[in-house]
Amino acid sequence: MTEAAFVTRFEDAYHQLKNSFIRYLVENSEPEVREDFDRRAMALYEDWDRELRQGQTAVADLLAEEDVVPSTSSFPIGFSTFNFLSPGYLLRHVLEKTKAEIEALAAVAKDIEAWPRAAELLKALVRRQEGFVERARKLDADRPKEPAAPPRIKGTSASRW
């Protein structure tokens, strides 16, 4: 792989961090926090978002040293299906989507191993992301049990008047 190819691949990592699912949830989805579990999930997402921002900045700094200005990018349009939902409900989707994002970052790190500084930075970011995934799994395990469905009443509301 040429030096330009390493830089291009590293720029891919920048965009993965910039357009991650967690960042979308915190910045754009306007989640509806209703209960304590939602508050705990949202706090996790906000911490995770701060970590992603720091990672994106570190990657951007290394790109700047190579005189590269990252191109613009945006969140995938499919993320908009997760707007206005509760953070607790979104937790399982977070686990699913971030797994793929972390695997993509790890793949970039492997592809650019000949550029040790960049590869080590991405490997450190992957380890931090995996820590957040573990926190999300623990939070999901603490999910409150769903309340029992109310008893079904036969007939219509008008028949009970």
N, C-alpha and C. Protein backbone atom coordinates (compact mmCIF):
# COMPACT_ATOMS: atom_id res chain seq x y z
N MET A 1 0.85 -1.17 0.00
CA MET A 1 0.00 0.00 0.00
C MET A 1 0.90 1.24 0.00
N THR A 2 0.55 2.20 -0.79
CA THR A 2 1.34 3.43 -0.86
C THR A 2 1.01 4.34 0.32
N GLU A 3 1.85 5.35 0.52
CA GLU A 3 1.63 6.29 1.61
C GLU A 3 0.29 7.00 1.45
N ALA A 4 -0.05 7.37 0.23
CA ALA A 4 -1.35 8.03 -0.03
C ALA A 4 -2.50 7.10 0.32
N ALA A 5 -2.34 5.81 0.06
CA ALA A 5 -3.40 4.85 0.39
C ALA A 5 -3.55 4.72 1.90
N PHE A 6 -2.44 4.78 2.65
CA PHE A 6 -2.52 4.74 4.11
C PHE A 6 -3.30 5.94 4.63
N VAL A 7 -3.00 7.10 4.09
CA VAL A 7 -3.65 8.33 4.53
C VAL A 7 -5.15 8.27 4.19
N THR A 8 -5.47 7.80 3.01
CA THR A 8 -6.88 7.67 2.61
C THR A 8 -7.62 6.72 3.53
N ARG A 9 -6.98 5.61 3.85
CA ARG A 9 -7.60 4.63 4.74
C ARG A 9 -7.77 5.22 6.14
N PHE A 10 -6.79 5.98 6.59
CA PHE A 10 -6.87 6.62 7.90
C PHE A 10 -7.97 7.67 7.91
N GLU A 11 -8.15 8.34 6.80
CA GLU A 11 -9.25 9.30 6.69
C GLU A 11 -10.61 8.58 6.80
N ASP A 12 -10.67 7.35 6.32
CA ASP A 12 -11.89 6.55 6.50
C ASP A 12 -12.22 6.40 7.98
N ALA A 13 -11.20 6.18 8.79
CA ALA A 13 -11.41 6.05 10.23
C ALA A 13 -11.95 7.36 10.81
N TYR A 14 -11.44 8.49 10.32
CA TYR A 14 -11.93 9.79 10.76
C TYR A 14 -13.44 9.88 10.53
N HIS A 15 -13.88 9.50 9.35
CA HIS A 15 -15.30 9.58 9.02
C HIS A 15 -16.13 8.58 9.81
N GLN A 16 -15.57 7.42 10.10
CA GLN A 16 -16.29 6.45 10.93
C GLN A 16 -16.52 7.01 12.33
N LEU A 17 -15.53 7.68 12.87
CA LEU A 17 -15.69 8.28 14.19
C LEU A 17 -16.67 9.46 14.14
N LYS A 18 -16.56 10.27 13.11
CA LYS A 18 -17.40 11.46 12.98
C LYS A 18 -18.87 11.09 12.77
N ASN A 19 -19.14 10.02 12.06
CA ASN A 19 -20.51 9.67 11.68
C ASN A 19 -20.99 8.40 12.37
N SER A 20 -20.54 8.19 13.59
CA SER A 20 -20.93 6.98 14.31
C SER A 20 -22.38 7.06 14.79
N PHE A 21 -22.93 5.92 15.08
CA PHE A 21 -24.32 5.82 15.53
C PHE A 21 -24.51 6.57 16.86
N ILE A 22 -23.57 6.40 17.77
CA ILE A 22 -23.67 7.09 19.07
C ILE A 22 -23.70 8.60 18.87
N ARG A 23 -22.81 9.10 18.03
CA ARG A 23 -22.78 10.54 17.78
C ARG A 23 -24.12 11.01 17.21
N TYR A 24 -24.71 10.21 16.33
CA TYR A 24 -26.00 10.59 15.77
C TYR A 24 -27.06 10.65 16.87
N LEU A 25 -27.08 9.64 17.74
CA LEU A 25 -28.10 9.62 18.79
C LEU A 25 -28.00 10.85 19.69
N VAL A 26 -26.78 11.20 20.07
CA VAL A 26 -26.60 12.33 20.99
C VAL A 26 -26.87 13.66 20.30
N GLU A 27 -26.38 13.81 19.08
CA GLU A 27 -26.46 15.11 18.41
C GLU A 27 -27.76 15.37 17.68
N ASN A 28 -28.41 14.33 17.14
CA ASN A 28 -29.52 14.57 16.22
C ASN A 28 -30.83 13.85 16.52
N SER A 29 -30.81 12.75 17.21
CA SER A 29 -32.02 11.92 17.26
C SER A 29 -33.10 12.41 18.23
N GLU A 30 -32.75 13.35 19.09
CA GLU A 30 -33.70 13.88 20.08
C GLU A 30 -34.40 12.76 20.86
N PRO A 31 -33.62 11.95 21.58
CA PRO A 31 -34.22 10.83 22.31
C PRO A 31 -35.15 11.32 23.43
N GLU A 32 -36.17 10.52 23.70
CA GLU A 32 -37.15 10.86 24.73
C GLU A 32 -36.81 10.13 26.02
N VAL A 33 -36.26 10.86 26.96
CA VAL A 33 -35.88 10.30 28.25
C VAL A 33 -37.10 10.31 29.15
N ARG A 34 -37.53 9.11 29.58
CA ARG A 34 -38.78 8.99 30.34
C ARG A 34 -38.57 8.48 31.77
N GLU A 35 -37.55 7.67 31.98
CA GLU A 35 -37.38 7.03 33.28
C GLU A 35 -35.90 6.96 33.63
N ASP A 36 -35.61 6.41 34.80
CA ASP A 36 -34.24 6.33 35.27
C ASP A 36 -33.36 5.51 34.33
N PHE A 37 -33.85 4.41 33.82
CA PHE A 37 -33.06 3.59 32.90
C PHE A 37 -32.68 4.38 31.66
N ASP A 38 -33.61 5.17 31.16
CA ASP A 38 -33.33 6.03 30.01
C ASP A 38 -32.24 7.06 30.34
N ARG A 39 -32.31 7.63 31.55
CA ARG A 39 -31.31 8.60 31.97
C ARG A 39 -29.92 7.96 32.04
N ARG A 40 -29.86 6.75 32.57
CA ARG A 40 -28.58 6.05 32.66
C ARG A 40 -28.04 5.73 31.26
N ALA A 41 -28.91 5.30 30.37
CA ALA A 41 -28.48 5.00 29.00
C ALA A 41 -28.02 6.27 28.31
N MET A 42 -28.73 7.36 28.49
CA MET A 42 -28.36 8.62 27.84
C MET A 42 -27.02 9.12 28.38
N ALA A 43 -26.79 8.96 29.68
CA ALA A 43 -25.51 9.37 30.27
C ALA A 43 -24.36 8.56 29.65
N LEU A 44 -24.60 7.28 29.43
CA LEU A 44 -23.59 6.44 28.77
C LEU A 44 -23.33 6.95 27.35
N TYR A 45 -24.38 7.24 26.61
CA TYR A 45 -24.23 7.72 25.24
C TYR A 45 -23.45 9.04 25.20
N GLU A 46 -23.73 9.92 26.15
CA GLU A 46 -23.04 11.21 26.18
C GLU A 46 -21.56 11.04 26.51
N ASP A 47 -21.24 10.15 27.46
CA ASP A 47 -19.83 9.86 27.75
C ASP A 47 -19.14 9.28 26.52
N TRP A 48 -19.82 8.37 25.88
CA TRP A 48 -19.29 7.70 24.69
C TRP A 48 -19.07 8.72 23.57
N ASP A 49 -20.01 9.63 23.42
CA ASP A 49 -19.90 10.68 22.40
C ASP A 49 -18.67 11.55 22.66
N ARG A 50 -18.43 11.91 23.91
CA ARG A 50 -17.24 12.71 24.24
C ARG A 50 -15.97 11.96 23.86
N GLU A 51 -15.94 10.67 24.13
CA GLU A 51 -14.78 9.85 23.76
C GLU A 51 -14.60 9.81 22.24
N LEU A 52 -15.70 9.67 21.52
CA LEU A 52 -15.61 9.65 20.05
C LEU A 52 -15.11 10.98 19.51
N ARG A 53 -15.55 12.07 20.11
CA ARG A 53 -15.09 13.40 19.69
C ARG A 53 -13.58 13.54 19.90
N GLN A 54 -13.11 13.07 21.06
CA GLN A 54 -11.68 13.14 21.33
C GLN A 54 -10.90 12.29 20.34
N GLY A 55 -11.42 11.11 20.03
CA GLY A 55 -10.77 10.25 19.05
C GLY A 55 -10.75 10.89 17.68
N GLN A 56 -11.85 11.49 17.29
CA GLN A 56 -11.92 12.17 16.00
C GLN A 56 -10.90 13.31 15.95
N THR A 57 -10.77 14.04 17.03
CA THR A 57 -9.80 15.14 17.08
C THR A 57 -8.38 14.62 16.96
N ALA A 58 -8.08 13.52 17.64
CA ALA A 58 -6.73 12.94 17.56
C ALA A 58 -6.42 12.47 16.13
N VAL A 59 -7.39 11.86 15.49
CA VAL A 59 -7.20 11.42 14.10
C VAL A 59 -7.04 12.63 13.20
N ALA A 60 -7.85 13.66 13.40
CA ALA A 60 -7.75 14.88 12.58
C ALA A 60 -6.39 15.54 12.76
N ASP A 61 -5.86 15.54 13.99
CA ASP A 61 -4.55 16.13 14.24
C ASP A 61 -3.45 15.38 13.48
N LEU A 62 -3.54 14.07 13.48
CA LEU A 62 -2.55 13.28 12.75
C LEU A 62 -2.69 13.48 11.25
N LEU A 63 -3.91 13.60 10.77
CA LEU A 63 -4.12 13.91 9.35
C LEU A 63 -3.55 15.28 9.00
N ALA A 64 -3.73 16.25 9.91
CA ALA A 64 -3.20 17.60 9.67
C ALA A 64 -1.68 17.59 9.56
N GLU A 65 -1.04 16.73 10.35
CA GLU A 65 0.41 16.61 10.25
C GLU A 65 0.84 16.11 8.87
N GLU A 66 -0.06 15.39 8.22
CA GLU A 66 0.20 14.90 6.87
C GLU A 66 -0.33 15.86 5.80
N ASP A 67 -0.74 17.06 6.24
CA ASP A 67 -1.31 18.08 5.35
C ASP A 67 -2.56 17.61 4.63
N VAL A 68 -3.40 16.88 5.36
CA VAL A 68 -4.65 16.39 4.80
C VAL A 68 -5.81 17.04 5.55
N VAL A 69 -6.71 17.60 4.80
CA VAL A 69 -7.95 18.14 5.35
C VAL A 69 -9.05 17.15 4.97
N PRO A 70 -9.68 16.53 5.97
CA PRO A 70 -10.70 15.52 5.65
C PRO A 70 -11.85 16.11 4.84
N SER A 71 -12.36 15.33 3.93
CA SER A 71 -13.52 15.75 3.15
C SER A 71 -14.75 15.77 4.07
N THR A 72 -15.81 16.36 3.58
CA THR A 72 -17.04 16.40 4.37
C THR A 72 -17.78 15.08 4.24
N SER A 73 -18.55 14.79 5.24
CA SER A 73 -19.37 13.58 5.23
C SER A 73 -20.56 13.82 6.14
N SER A 74 -21.52 12.93 6.06
CA SER A 74 -22.71 13.08 6.90
C SER A 74 -23.13 11.71 7.42
N PHE A 75 -24.05 11.75 8.37
CA PHE A 75 -24.57 10.51 8.94
C PHE A 75 -25.35 9.74 7.88
N PRO A 76 -25.33 8.42 7.97
CA PRO A 76 -26.17 7.63 7.04
C PRO A 76 -27.65 7.98 7.22
N ILE A 77 -28.38 8.05 6.14
CA ILE A 77 -29.79 8.42 6.19
C ILE A 77 -30.62 7.43 7.01
N GLY A 78 -30.18 6.19 7.04
CA GLY A 78 -30.90 5.16 7.79
C GLY A 78 -30.95 5.43 9.28
N PHE A 79 -30.02 6.23 9.80
CA PHE A 79 -30.03 6.55 11.22
C PHE A 79 -31.29 7.32 11.61
N SER A 80 -31.91 7.99 10.67
CA SER A 80 -33.08 8.80 11.00
C SER A 80 -34.26 7.96 11.48
N THR A 81 -34.23 6.66 11.24
CA THR A 81 -35.31 5.80 11.75
C THR A 81 -35.25 5.65 13.26
N PHE A 82 -34.18 6.16 13.89
CA PHE A 82 -34.02 6.03 15.33
C PHE A 82 -34.30 7.35 16.06
N ASN A 83 -34.97 8.28 15.40
CA ASN A 83 -35.31 9.56 16.03
C ASN A 83 -36.47 9.41 17.00
N PHE A 84 -36.43 10.22 18.06
CA PHE A 84 -37.52 10.36 19.03
C PHE A 84 -37.84 9.06 19.78
N LEU A 85 -36.89 8.19 19.95
CA LEU A 85 -37.09 6.95 20.70
C LEU A 85 -36.37 7.07 22.05
N SER A 86 -36.73 6.22 22.99
CA SER A 86 -36.10 6.30 24.30
C SER A 86 -34.71 5.69 24.27
N PRO A 87 -33.78 6.28 25.01
CA PRO A 87 -32.41 5.74 25.05
C PRO A 87 -32.36 4.29 25.51
N GLY A 88 -33.23 3.93 26.44
CA GLY A 88 -33.27 2.54 26.91
C GLY A 88 -33.66 1.57 25.80
N TYR A 89 -34.64 1.96 25.02
CA TYR A 89 -35.06 1.13 23.89
C TYR A 89 -33.92 1.01 22.87
N LEU A 90 -33.20 2.07 22.66
CA LEU A 90 -32.14 2.10 21.64
C LEU A 90 -30.90 1.30 22.04
N LEU A 91 -30.80 0.90 23.29
CA LEU A 91 -29.58 0.24 23.77
C LEU A 91 -29.23 -1.01 22.96
N ARG A 92 -30.18 -1.82 22.63
CA ARG A 92 -29.88 -3.04 21.84
C ARG A 92 -29.42 -2.68 20.43
N HIS A 93 -29.97 -1.64 19.86
CA HIS A 93 -29.53 -1.18 18.54
C HIS A 93 -28.11 -0.62 18.63
N VAL A 94 -27.82 0.07 19.72
CA VAL A 94 -26.47 0.60 19.93
C VAL A 94 -25.46 -0.53 19.94
N LEU A 95 -25.76 -1.59 20.68
CA LEU A 95 -24.84 -2.72 20.75
C LEU A 95 -24.61 -3.33 19.38
N GLU A 96 -25.66 -3.46 18.61
CA GLU A 96 -25.55 -4.06 17.28
C GLU A 96 -24.75 -3.17 16.32
N LYS A 97 -25.10 -1.91 16.25
CA LYS A 97 -24.47 -1.02 15.28
C LYS A 97 -23.03 -0.67 15.65
N THR A 98 -22.75 -0.48 16.92
CA THR A 98 -21.39 -0.11 17.31
C THR A 98 -20.43 -1.29 17.14
N LYS A 99 -20.94 -2.49 17.23
CA LYS A 99 -20.08 -3.66 16.99
C LYS A 99 -19.49 -3.58 15.57
N ALA A 100 -20.32 -3.28 14.60
CA ALA A 100 -19.87 -3.17 13.21
C ALA A 100 -18.91 -1.99 13.05
N GLU A 101 -19.19 -0.88 13.73
CA GLU A 101 -18.31 0.29 13.63
C GLU A 101 -16.93 0.00 14.22
N ILE A 102 -16.90 -0.69 15.34
CA ILE A 102 -15.63 -1.03 15.98
C ILE A 102 -14.84 -2.00 15.11
N GLU A 103 -15.52 -2.95 14.52
CA GLU A 103 -14.85 -3.89 13.62
C GLU A 103 -14.25 -3.15 12.41
N ALA A 104 -14.96 -2.15 11.91
CA ALA A 104 -14.45 -1.37 10.78
C ALA A 104 -13.20 -0.58 11.19
N LEU A 105 -13.20 0.01 12.40
CA LEU A 105 -12.01 0.72 12.87
C LEU A 105 -10.83 -0.23 13.04
N ALA A 106 -11.09 -1.41 13.58
CA ALA A 106 -10.03 -2.41 13.75
C ALA A 106 -9.47 -2.83 12.40
N ALA A 107 -10.33 -2.93 11.40
CA ALA A 107 -9.87 -3.30 10.05
C ALA A 107 -8.96 -2.21 9.47
N VAL A 108 -9.31 -0.95 9.70
CA VAL A 108 -8.45 0.14 9.22
C VAL A 108 -7.10 0.07 9.93
N ALA A 109 -7.13 -0.16 11.24
CA ALA A 109 -5.87 -0.25 12.00
C ALA A 109 -4.98 -1.35 11.45
N LYS A 110 -5.60 -2.47 11.09
CA LYS A 110 -4.83 -3.59 10.53
C LYS A 110 -4.27 -3.22 9.15
N ASP A 111 -5.07 -2.53 8.37
CA ASP A 111 -4.64 -2.16 7.01
C ASP A 111 -3.47 -1.18 7.01
N ILE A 112 -3.35 -0.37 8.05
CA ILE A 112 -2.30 0.66 8.04
C ILE A 112 -1.20 0.35 9.06
N GLU A 113 -0.98 -0.91 9.37
CA GLU A 113 0.05 -1.28 10.35
C GLU A 113 1.43 -0.78 9.96
N ALA A 114 1.68 -0.54 8.69
CA ALA A 114 2.97 -0.02 8.25
C ALA A 114 3.16 1.45 8.66
N TRP A 115 2.10 2.09 9.13
CA TRP A 115 2.15 3.45 9.67
C TRP A 115 1.87 3.31 11.17
N PRO A 116 2.90 2.97 11.94
CA PRO A 116 2.71 2.57 13.34
C PRO A 116 1.97 3.59 14.21
N ARG A 117 2.29 4.86 14.04
CA ARG A 117 1.65 5.87 14.89
C ARG A 117 0.14 5.90 14.69
N ALA A 118 -0.30 5.87 13.44
CA ALA A 118 -1.73 5.89 13.15
C ALA A 118 -2.40 4.58 13.57
N ALA A 119 -1.73 3.47 13.31
CA ALA A 119 -2.30 2.16 13.68
C ALA A 119 -2.47 2.04 15.19
N GLU A 120 -1.47 2.50 15.94
CA GLU A 120 -1.56 2.44 17.41
C GLU A 120 -2.68 3.34 17.94
N LEU A 121 -2.83 4.50 17.33
CA LEU A 121 -3.92 5.40 17.72
C LEU A 121 -5.27 4.71 17.53
N LEU A 122 -5.47 4.09 16.38
CA LEU A 122 -6.74 3.42 16.12
C LEU A 122 -6.95 2.22 17.04
N LYS A 123 -5.89 1.48 17.31
CA LYS A 123 -6.02 0.34 18.24
C LYS A 123 -6.42 0.82 19.63
N ALA A 124 -5.86 1.94 20.07
CA ALA A 124 -6.25 2.51 21.37
C ALA A 124 -7.71 2.95 21.34
N LEU A 125 -8.15 3.55 20.25
CA LEU A 125 -9.55 3.96 20.13
C LEU A 125 -10.47 2.75 20.14
N VAL A 126 -10.07 1.69 19.48
CA VAL A 126 -10.88 0.46 19.47
C VAL A 126 -11.00 -0.09 20.89
N ARG A 127 -9.91 -0.11 21.64
CA ARG A 127 -9.97 -0.61 23.02
C ARG A 127 -10.92 0.23 23.87
N ARG A 128 -10.87 1.55 23.69
CA ARG A 128 -11.78 2.42 24.45
C ARG A 128 -13.23 2.17 24.05
N GLN A 129 -13.48 1.99 22.77
CA GLN A 129 -14.84 1.71 22.30
C GLN A 129 -15.35 0.39 22.88
N GLU A 130 -14.46 -0.60 22.93
CA GLU A 130 -14.86 -1.89 23.50
C GLU A 130 -15.22 -1.75 24.97
N GLY A 131 -14.55 -0.84 25.68
CA GLY A 131 -14.91 -0.57 27.08
C GLY A 131 -16.32 0.00 27.19
N PHE A 132 -16.68 0.87 26.27
CA PHE A 132 -18.04 1.42 26.28
C PHE A 132 -19.07 0.35 25.90
N VAL A 133 -18.72 -0.53 25.00
CA VAL A 133 -19.63 -1.63 24.65
C VAL A 133 -19.87 -2.50 25.88
N GLU A 134 -18.82 -2.75 26.64
CA GLU A 134 -18.98 -3.56 27.86
C GLU A 134 -19.89 -2.85 28.86
N ARG A 135 -19.72 -1.54 29.01
CA ARG A 135 -20.62 -0.78 29.89
C ARG A 135 -22.05 -0.86 29.38
N ALA A 136 -22.25 -0.81 28.08
CA ALA A 136 -23.60 -0.89 27.50
C ALA A 136 -24.20 -2.28 27.76
N ARG A 137 -23.39 -3.31 27.65
CA ARG A 137 -23.89 -4.67 27.92
C ARG A 137 -24.32 -4.82 29.37
N LYS A 138 -23.51 -4.27 30.29
CA LYS A 138 -23.87 -4.32 31.71
C LYS A 138 -25.16 -3.55 31.97
N LEU A 139 -25.29 -2.41 31.34
CA LEU A 139 -26.52 -1.63 31.50
C LEU A 139 -27.71 -2.38 30.94
N ASP A 140 -27.54 -3.04 29.80
CA ASP A 140 -28.62 -3.82 29.21
C ASP A 140 -29.02 -4.97 30.12
N ALA A 141 -28.04 -5.56 30.80
CA ALA A 141 -28.34 -6.65 31.75
C ALA A 141 -29.14 -6.13 32.95
N ASP A 142 -28.97 -4.84 33.28
CA ASP A 142 -29.71 -4.23 34.39
C ASP A 142 -31.06 -3.67 33.97
N ARG A 143 -31.44 -3.93 32.73
CA ARG A 143 -32.71 -3.41 32.21
C ARG A 143 -33.86 -3.85 33.13
N PRO A 144 -34.71 -2.91 33.53
CA PRO A 144 -35.85 -3.29 34.38
C PRO A 144 -36.80 -4.22 33.63
N LYS A 145 -37.39 -5.08 34.37
CA LYS A 145 -38.35 -6.02 33.78
C LYS A 145 -39.57 -5.24 33.28
N GLU A 146 -40.09 -5.69 32.17
CA GLU A 146 -41.28 -5.03 31.62
C GLU A 146 -42.46 -5.27 32.55
N PRO A 147 -43.27 -4.25 32.81
CA PRO A 147 -44.43 -4.45 33.67
C PRO A 147 -45.42 -5.40 32.99
N ALA A 148 -46.14 -6.13 33.83
CA ALA A 148 -47.14 -7.05 33.30
C ALA A 148 -48.21 -6.26 32.56
N ALA A 149 -48.72 -6.84 31.52
CA ALA A 149 -49.78 -6.18 30.74
C ALA A 149 -51.02 -6.06 31.61
N PRO A 150 -51.74 -4.95 31.49
CA PRO A 150 -52.96 -4.81 32.28
C PRO A 150 -53.98 -5.87 31.86
N PRO A 151 -54.87 -6.24 32.77
CA PRO A 151 -55.85 -7.27 32.41
C PRO A 151 -56.74 -6.80 31.27
N ARG A 152 -57.08 -7.72 30.43
CA ARG A 152 -57.95 -7.39 29.29
C ARG A 152 -59.40 -7.40 29.72
N ILE A 153 -60.09 -6.39 29.36
CA ILE A 153 -61.50 -6.29 29.69
C ILE A 153 -62.28 -6.55 28.41
N LYS A 154 -63.21 -7.48 28.52
CA LYS A 154 -64.01 -7.82 27.34
C LYS A 154 -65.05 -6.74 27.12
N GLY A 155 -65.37 -6.50 25.89
CA GLY A 155 -66.36 -5.50 25.54
C GLY A 155 -65.69 -4.19 25.17
N THR A 156 -66.51 -3.19 24.96
CA THR A 156 -66.01 -1.88 24.60
C THR A 156 -66.12 -0.94 25.78
N SER A 157 -65.49 0.20 25.67
CA SER A 157 -65.57 1.15 26.76
C SER A 157 -67.01 1.63 26.95
N ALA A 158 -67.77 1.70 25.89
CA ALA A 158 -69.16 2.15 25.99
C ALA A 158 -70.01 1.14 26.76
N SER A 159 -69.67 -0.15 26.67
CA SER A 159 -70.48 -1.15 27.36
C SER A 159 -70.24 -1.13 28.86
N ARG A 160 -69.20 -0.43 29.31
CA ARG A 160 -68.92 -0.37 30.76
C ARG A 160 -69.50 0.88 31.39
N TRP A 161 -70.21 1.70 30.66
CA TRP A 161 -70.75 2.93 31.22
C TRP A 161 -71.93 2.63 32.01
